[in-house]
N, C-alpha and C. Protein backbone atom coordinates (compact mmCIF):
# COMPACT_ATOMS: atom_id res chain seq x y z
N UNK A 1 -21.44 -8.76 10.48
CA UNK A 1 -21.21 -7.36 10.78
C UNK A 1 -20.41 -6.73 9.63
N UNK A 2 -20.95 -5.67 9.09
CA UNK A 2 -20.31 -4.97 7.98
C UNK A 2 -19.53 -3.77 8.52
N UNK A 3 -18.40 -3.52 7.91
CA UNK A 3 -17.60 -2.36 8.27
C UNK A 3 -17.91 -1.27 7.25
N UNK A 4 -18.23 -0.08 7.74
CA UNK A 4 -18.55 1.00 6.82
C UNK A 4 -17.27 1.68 6.33
N UNK A 5 -17.43 2.54 5.33
CA UNK A 5 -16.28 3.19 4.71
C UNK A 5 -15.51 4.07 5.68
N UNK A 6 -16.21 4.75 6.56
CA UNK A 6 -15.54 5.65 7.50
C UNK A 6 -14.58 4.88 8.40
N UNK A 7 -14.98 3.70 8.83
CA UNK A 7 -14.11 2.87 9.67
C UNK A 7 -12.87 2.45 8.89
N UNK A 8 -13.06 2.08 7.62
CA UNK A 8 -11.90 1.71 6.80
C UNK A 8 -10.97 2.89 6.58
N UNK A 9 -11.54 4.09 6.41
CA UNK A 9 -10.70 5.28 6.27
C UNK A 9 -9.88 5.52 7.53
N UNK A 10 -10.50 5.35 8.67
CA UNK A 10 -9.80 5.57 9.94
C UNK A 10 -8.69 4.53 10.12
N UNK A 11 -9.00 3.25 9.83
CA UNK A 11 -7.98 2.20 9.95
C UNK A 11 -6.82 2.45 9.00
N UNK A 12 -7.11 2.82 7.77
CA UNK A 12 -6.03 3.07 6.82
C UNK A 12 -5.20 4.28 7.25
N UNK A 13 -5.83 5.29 7.84
CA UNK A 13 -5.08 6.45 8.32
C UNK A 13 -4.18 6.07 9.49
N UNK A 14 -4.67 5.22 10.39
CA UNK A 14 -3.86 4.78 11.53
C UNK A 14 -2.67 3.96 11.04
N UNK A 15 -2.90 3.05 10.09
CA UNK A 15 -1.81 2.26 9.54
C UNK A 15 -0.81 3.16 8.82
N UNK A 16 -1.30 4.17 8.11
CA UNK A 16 -0.44 5.13 7.44
C UNK A 16 0.45 5.87 8.45
N UNK A 17 -0.13 6.30 9.56
CA UNK A 17 0.65 7.00 10.58
C UNK A 17 1.70 6.09 11.21
N UNK A 18 1.37 4.82 11.41
CA UNK A 18 2.35 3.86 11.93
C UNK A 18 3.53 3.74 10.96
N UNK A 19 3.24 3.66 9.66
CA UNK A 19 4.30 3.58 8.67
C UNK A 19 5.15 4.84 8.62
N UNK A 20 4.52 6.00 8.71
CA UNK A 20 5.27 7.27 8.73
C UNK A 20 6.18 7.33 9.96
N UNK A 21 5.63 6.94 11.10
CA UNK A 21 6.43 6.95 12.34
C UNK A 21 7.63 6.03 12.20
N UNK A 22 7.42 4.85 11.64
CA UNK A 22 8.53 3.91 11.46
C UNK A 22 9.57 4.42 10.49
N UNK A 23 9.13 5.06 9.41
CA UNK A 23 10.09 5.57 8.42
C UNK A 23 10.90 6.74 8.97
N UNK A 24 10.30 7.54 9.83
CA UNK A 24 11.00 8.71 10.36
C UNK A 24 11.93 8.34 11.51
N UNK A 25 11.51 7.45 12.39
CA UNK A 25 12.29 7.19 13.61
C UNK A 25 13.36 6.13 13.44
N UNK A 26 13.26 5.24 12.47
CA UNK A 26 14.25 4.17 12.32
C UNK A 26 15.44 4.65 11.51
N UNK A 27 16.59 4.11 11.83
CA UNK A 27 17.82 4.40 11.09
C UNK A 27 18.30 3.17 10.32
N UNK A 28 17.65 2.03 10.50
CA UNK A 28 18.00 0.81 9.82
C UNK A 28 17.30 0.78 8.47
N UNK A 29 18.04 0.50 7.39
CA UNK A 29 17.45 0.54 6.05
C UNK A 29 16.34 -0.50 5.86
N UNK A 30 16.50 -1.69 6.44
CA UNK A 30 15.47 -2.72 6.30
C UNK A 30 14.18 -2.26 6.99
N UNK A 31 14.30 -1.68 8.17
CA UNK A 31 13.11 -1.20 8.88
C UNK A 31 12.45 -0.04 8.14
N UNK A 32 13.23 0.78 7.47
CA UNK A 32 12.67 1.87 6.67
C UNK A 32 11.91 1.30 5.48
N UNK A 33 12.46 0.27 4.83
CA UNK A 33 11.76 -0.36 3.71
C UNK A 33 10.45 -1.01 4.16
N UNK A 34 10.46 -1.65 5.32
CA UNK A 34 9.23 -2.24 5.86
C UNK A 34 8.21 -1.15 6.16
N UNK A 35 8.67 -0.04 6.71
CA UNK A 35 7.76 1.07 7.01
C UNK A 35 7.15 1.65 5.73
N UNK A 36 7.94 1.75 4.68
CA UNK A 36 7.40 2.23 3.41
C UNK A 36 6.38 1.25 2.84
N UNK A 37 6.60 -0.04 3.05
CA UNK A 37 5.61 -1.04 2.61
C UNK A 37 4.32 -0.92 3.41
N UNK A 38 4.43 -0.60 4.69
CA UNK A 38 3.24 -0.39 5.52
C UNK A 38 2.46 0.83 5.03
N UNK A 39 3.17 1.88 4.66
CA UNK A 39 2.51 3.07 4.10
C UNK A 39 1.79 2.70 2.81
N UNK A 40 2.44 1.92 1.96
CA UNK A 40 1.82 1.50 0.70
C UNK A 40 0.55 0.68 0.95
N UNK A 41 0.61 -0.21 1.94
CA UNK A 41 -0.56 -1.02 2.27
C UNK A 41 -1.71 -0.15 2.75
N UNK A 42 -1.41 0.85 3.56
CA UNK A 42 -2.45 1.75 4.05
C UNK A 42 -3.11 2.50 2.89
N UNK A 43 -2.31 2.95 1.95
CA UNK A 43 -2.87 3.66 0.80
C UNK A 43 -3.72 2.73 -0.07
N UNK A 44 -3.29 1.46 -0.20
CA UNK A 44 -4.08 0.51 -0.97
C UNK A 44 -5.41 0.22 -0.29
N UNK A 45 -5.41 0.09 1.03
CA UNK A 45 -6.67 -0.12 1.76
C UNK A 45 -7.60 1.08 1.55
N UNK A 46 -7.04 2.27 1.60
CA UNK A 46 -7.85 3.48 1.40
C UNK A 46 -8.46 3.49 0.00
N UNK A 47 -7.65 3.18 -1.02
CA UNK A 47 -8.16 3.20 -2.39
C UNK A 47 -9.25 2.15 -2.61
N UNK A 48 -9.06 0.96 -2.07
CA UNK A 48 -10.08 -0.08 -2.23
C UNK A 48 -11.36 0.33 -1.52
N UNK A 49 -11.23 0.96 -0.37
CA UNK A 49 -12.44 1.35 0.37
C UNK A 49 -13.20 2.49 -0.31
N UNK A 50 -12.53 3.26 -1.16
CA UNK A 50 -13.25 4.32 -1.88
C UNK A 50 -14.19 3.75 -2.93
N UNK A 51 -13.89 2.56 -3.45
CA UNK A 51 -14.74 1.96 -4.47
C UNK A 51 -15.89 1.15 -3.92
N UNK A 52 -15.95 0.99 -2.60
CA UNK A 52 -16.99 0.16 -2.00
C UNK A 52 -18.19 1.02 -1.61
N UNK A 53 -19.38 0.49 -1.88
CA UNK A 53 -20.63 1.14 -1.48
C UNK A 53 -21.33 0.19 -0.53
N UNK A 54 -21.79 0.70 0.61
CA UNK A 54 -22.48 -0.16 1.58
C UNK A 54 -23.70 -0.81 0.96
N UNK A 55 -23.81 -2.11 1.13
CA UNK A 55 -24.96 -2.85 0.62
C UNK A 55 -24.91 -3.11 -0.88
N UNK A 56 -23.77 -2.91 -1.50
CA UNK A 56 -23.68 -3.11 -2.95
C UNK A 56 -23.25 -4.54 -3.28
N UNK A 57 -23.42 -4.87 -4.53
CA UNK A 57 -23.00 -6.17 -5.04
C UNK A 57 -21.63 -6.07 -5.67
N UNK A 58 -20.93 -7.20 -5.81
CA UNK A 58 -19.67 -7.17 -6.56
C UNK A 58 -19.92 -6.78 -8.02
N UNK A 59 -18.95 -6.20 -8.69
CA UNK A 59 -19.18 -5.73 -10.07
C UNK A 59 -19.15 -6.87 -11.09
N UNK A 60 -19.93 -7.92 -10.83
CA UNK A 60 -20.01 -9.06 -11.75
C UNK A 60 -21.48 -9.26 -12.08
N UNK A 61 -21.82 -9.18 -13.33
CA UNK A 61 -23.20 -9.39 -13.75
C UNK A 61 -23.47 -10.88 -13.92
N UNK A 62 -24.63 -11.30 -13.50
CA UNK A 62 -25.05 -12.68 -13.72
C UNK A 62 -26.44 -12.68 -14.32
N UNK A 63 -26.93 -13.83 -14.67
CA UNK A 63 -28.18 -13.92 -15.43
C UNK A 63 -29.40 -13.43 -14.65
N UNK A 64 -29.36 -13.42 -13.33
CA UNK A 64 -30.50 -12.98 -12.54
C UNK A 64 -30.64 -11.47 -12.43
N UNK A 65 -29.66 -10.72 -12.87
CA UNK A 65 -29.70 -9.26 -12.75
C UNK A 65 -30.33 -8.66 -14.00
N UNK A 66 -31.23 -7.72 -13.80
CA UNK A 66 -31.82 -7.01 -14.92
C UNK A 66 -31.10 -5.68 -15.08
N UNK A 67 -30.55 -5.47 -16.25
CA UNK A 67 -29.80 -4.25 -16.53
C UNK A 67 -30.63 -3.34 -17.41
N UNK A 68 -31.18 -2.31 -16.78
CA UNK A 68 -31.96 -1.32 -17.53
C UNK A 68 -31.05 -0.16 -17.91
N UNK A 69 -30.31 0.34 -16.95
CA UNK A 69 -29.31 1.38 -17.21
C UNK A 69 -28.15 1.12 -16.26
N UNK A 70 -26.97 1.66 -16.56
CA UNK A 70 -25.81 1.41 -15.68
C UNK A 70 -26.03 1.87 -14.25
N UNK A 71 -26.91 2.87 -14.03
CA UNK A 71 -27.14 3.38 -12.68
C UNK A 71 -28.23 2.63 -11.94
N UNK A 72 -28.90 1.67 -12.61
CA UNK A 72 -30.01 0.99 -11.96
C UNK A 72 -29.56 -0.14 -11.05
N UNK A 73 -28.33 -0.61 -11.17
CA UNK A 73 -27.83 -1.70 -10.34
C UNK A 73 -26.87 -1.13 -9.31
N UNK A 74 -27.02 -1.57 -8.09
CA UNK A 74 -26.17 -1.10 -7.01
C UNK A 74 -24.93 -1.99 -6.94
N UNK A 75 -23.86 -1.59 -7.67
CA UNK A 75 -22.62 -2.36 -7.68
C UNK A 75 -21.47 -1.47 -7.22
N UNK A 76 -20.43 -2.12 -6.73
CA UNK A 76 -19.22 -1.40 -6.33
C UNK A 76 -18.45 -0.98 -7.57
N UNK A 77 -17.66 0.06 -7.42
CA UNK A 77 -16.85 0.56 -8.52
C UNK A 77 -15.61 -0.32 -8.67
N UNK A 78 -15.41 -0.96 -9.83
CA UNK A 78 -14.25 -1.84 -9.98
C UNK A 78 -12.95 -1.12 -10.30
N UNK A 79 -12.99 0.13 -10.67
CA UNK A 79 -11.78 0.85 -11.07
C UNK A 79 -10.75 0.97 -9.94
N UNK A 80 -11.13 1.35 -8.70
CA UNK A 80 -10.11 1.40 -7.65
C UNK A 80 -9.45 0.05 -7.38
N UNK A 81 -10.20 -1.03 -7.54
CA UNK A 81 -9.62 -2.35 -7.32
C UNK A 81 -8.56 -2.66 -8.38
N UNK A 82 -8.84 -2.31 -9.62
CA UNK A 82 -7.87 -2.52 -10.69
C UNK A 82 -6.63 -1.65 -10.48
N UNK A 83 -6.84 -0.42 -10.04
CA UNK A 83 -5.70 0.46 -9.78
C UNK A 83 -4.85 -0.06 -8.63
N UNK A 84 -5.48 -0.63 -7.61
CA UNK A 84 -4.74 -1.17 -6.48
C UNK A 84 -3.93 -2.40 -6.90
N UNK A 85 -4.49 -3.23 -7.78
CA UNK A 85 -3.70 -4.37 -8.27
C UNK A 85 -2.45 -3.89 -9.00
N UNK A 86 -2.59 -2.83 -9.79
CA UNK A 86 -1.43 -2.26 -10.47
C UNK A 86 -0.45 -1.67 -9.45
N UNK A 87 -0.97 -1.01 -8.43
CA UNK A 87 -0.10 -0.41 -7.40
C UNK A 87 0.64 -1.48 -6.62
N UNK A 88 0.01 -2.63 -6.39
CA UNK A 88 0.69 -3.72 -5.68
C UNK A 88 1.86 -4.23 -6.49
N UNK A 89 1.67 -4.41 -7.80
CA UNK A 89 2.76 -4.88 -8.66
C UNK A 89 3.90 -3.87 -8.69
N UNK A 90 3.57 -2.60 -8.82
CA UNK A 90 4.61 -1.57 -8.82
C UNK A 90 5.31 -1.52 -7.47
N UNK A 91 4.55 -1.66 -6.37
CA UNK A 91 5.14 -1.66 -5.03
C UNK A 91 6.10 -2.81 -4.81
N UNK A 92 5.76 -3.98 -5.32
CA UNK A 92 6.67 -5.13 -5.19
C UNK A 92 7.95 -4.87 -5.97
N UNK A 93 7.83 -4.28 -7.15
CA UNK A 93 9.02 -3.96 -7.94
C UNK A 93 9.92 -2.94 -7.26
N UNK A 94 9.33 -1.88 -6.73
CA UNK A 94 10.15 -0.87 -6.06
C UNK A 94 10.75 -1.40 -4.76
N UNK A 95 10.03 -2.29 -4.08
CA UNK A 95 10.59 -2.89 -2.88
C UNK A 95 11.78 -3.78 -3.23
N UNK A 96 11.68 -4.52 -4.34
CA UNK A 96 12.80 -5.36 -4.78
C UNK A 96 14.01 -4.50 -5.13
N UNK A 97 13.79 -3.38 -5.79
CA UNK A 97 14.90 -2.47 -6.10
C UNK A 97 15.49 -1.91 -4.81
N UNK A 98 14.64 -1.56 -3.85
CA UNK A 98 15.13 -1.05 -2.57
C UNK A 98 15.96 -2.09 -1.82
N UNK A 99 15.54 -3.34 -1.85
CA UNK A 99 16.31 -4.40 -1.19
C UNK A 99 17.64 -4.60 -1.90
N UNK A 100 17.63 -4.54 -3.23
CA UNK A 100 18.88 -4.65 -3.97
C UNK A 100 19.85 -3.52 -3.64
N UNK A 101 19.33 -2.30 -3.57
CA UNK A 101 20.19 -1.17 -3.18
C UNK A 101 20.68 -1.30 -1.75
N UNK A 102 19.83 -1.82 -0.87
CA UNK A 102 20.23 -2.03 0.52
C UNK A 102 21.37 -3.03 0.61
N UNK A 103 21.30 -4.10 -0.18
CA UNK A 103 22.39 -5.10 -0.19
C UNK A 103 23.68 -4.47 -0.68
N UNK A 104 23.61 -3.67 -1.74
CA UNK A 104 24.82 -2.99 -2.25
C UNK A 104 25.38 -2.02 -1.22
N UNK A 105 24.52 -1.27 -0.56
CA UNK A 105 25.00 -0.34 0.47
C UNK A 105 25.62 -1.09 1.64
N UNK A 106 25.03 -2.21 2.02
CA UNK A 106 25.60 -2.99 3.12
C UNK A 106 26.98 -3.55 2.73
N UNK A 107 27.11 -4.03 1.50
CA UNK A 107 28.40 -4.56 1.06
C UNK A 107 29.47 -3.46 1.02
N UNK A 108 29.06 -2.25 0.73
CA UNK A 108 30.03 -1.16 0.66
C UNK A 108 30.38 -0.60 2.03
N UNK A 109 29.38 -0.34 2.86
CA UNK A 109 29.60 0.32 4.15
C UNK A 109 29.67 -0.64 5.33
N UNK A 110 29.26 -1.89 5.17
CA UNK A 110 29.24 -2.90 6.24
C UNK A 110 28.34 -2.50 7.41
N UNK A 111 27.30 -1.74 7.12
CA UNK A 111 26.31 -1.36 8.13
C UNK A 111 24.99 -1.05 7.43
N UNK A 112 23.91 -1.20 8.16
CA UNK A 112 22.60 -0.82 7.66
C UNK A 112 22.11 0.47 8.30
N UNK A 113 22.90 1.04 9.19
CA UNK A 113 22.54 2.28 9.87
C UNK A 113 22.79 3.45 8.93
N UNK A 114 21.76 4.22 8.68
CA UNK A 114 21.85 5.34 7.74
C UNK A 114 22.81 6.41 8.25
N UNK A 115 22.87 6.61 9.55
CA UNK A 115 23.72 7.66 10.12
C UNK A 115 25.20 7.34 9.99
N UNK A 116 25.56 6.06 9.90
CA UNK A 116 26.98 5.69 9.83
C UNK A 116 27.43 5.35 8.43
N UNK A 117 26.63 5.54 7.43
CA UNK A 117 27.00 5.14 6.07
C UNK A 117 28.04 6.06 5.43
N UNK A 118 28.12 7.28 5.80
CA UNK A 118 29.09 8.18 5.20
C UNK A 118 30.44 8.16 5.89
N UNK A 119 30.63 7.28 6.88
CA UNK A 119 31.87 7.28 7.66
C UNK A 119 33.02 6.58 6.97
N UNK A 120 32.76 5.70 6.01
CA UNK A 120 33.82 4.95 5.36
C UNK A 120 34.52 5.82 4.34
N UNK A 121 35.86 5.75 4.34
CA UNK A 121 36.64 6.51 3.35
C UNK A 121 36.47 5.88 1.98
N UNK A 122 36.30 6.72 0.99
CA UNK A 122 36.15 6.23 -0.38
C UNK A 122 37.49 5.71 -0.88
N UNK A 123 37.45 4.64 -1.67
CA UNK A 123 38.68 4.03 -2.19
C UNK A 123 39.15 4.72 -3.45
């Protein structure tokens, strides 16, 4: 059973909404970071699904394929996949920076609750 692009768009939109809901309603910094990662995953699913064509082949040429013109072969677009790989690497880096900042904020305020972080008197 193949999943069409519209279904993938709907799934990625639902996952995106779950991430938005988590980022807005949570006050814990770790839960906010997880919600932002969920949003990133939804966007990556959407981007990968834009490069897929129903019934297409992977963008790898082999000896059995006859290439007359670039439009004569039904292949998926590899560009969104490459962009998503780059986005995953950038997302891991920004998540690591967010975790590092969360650790520093916890050491300073002794809480992960965003609403209570400004309560400590500055030294």
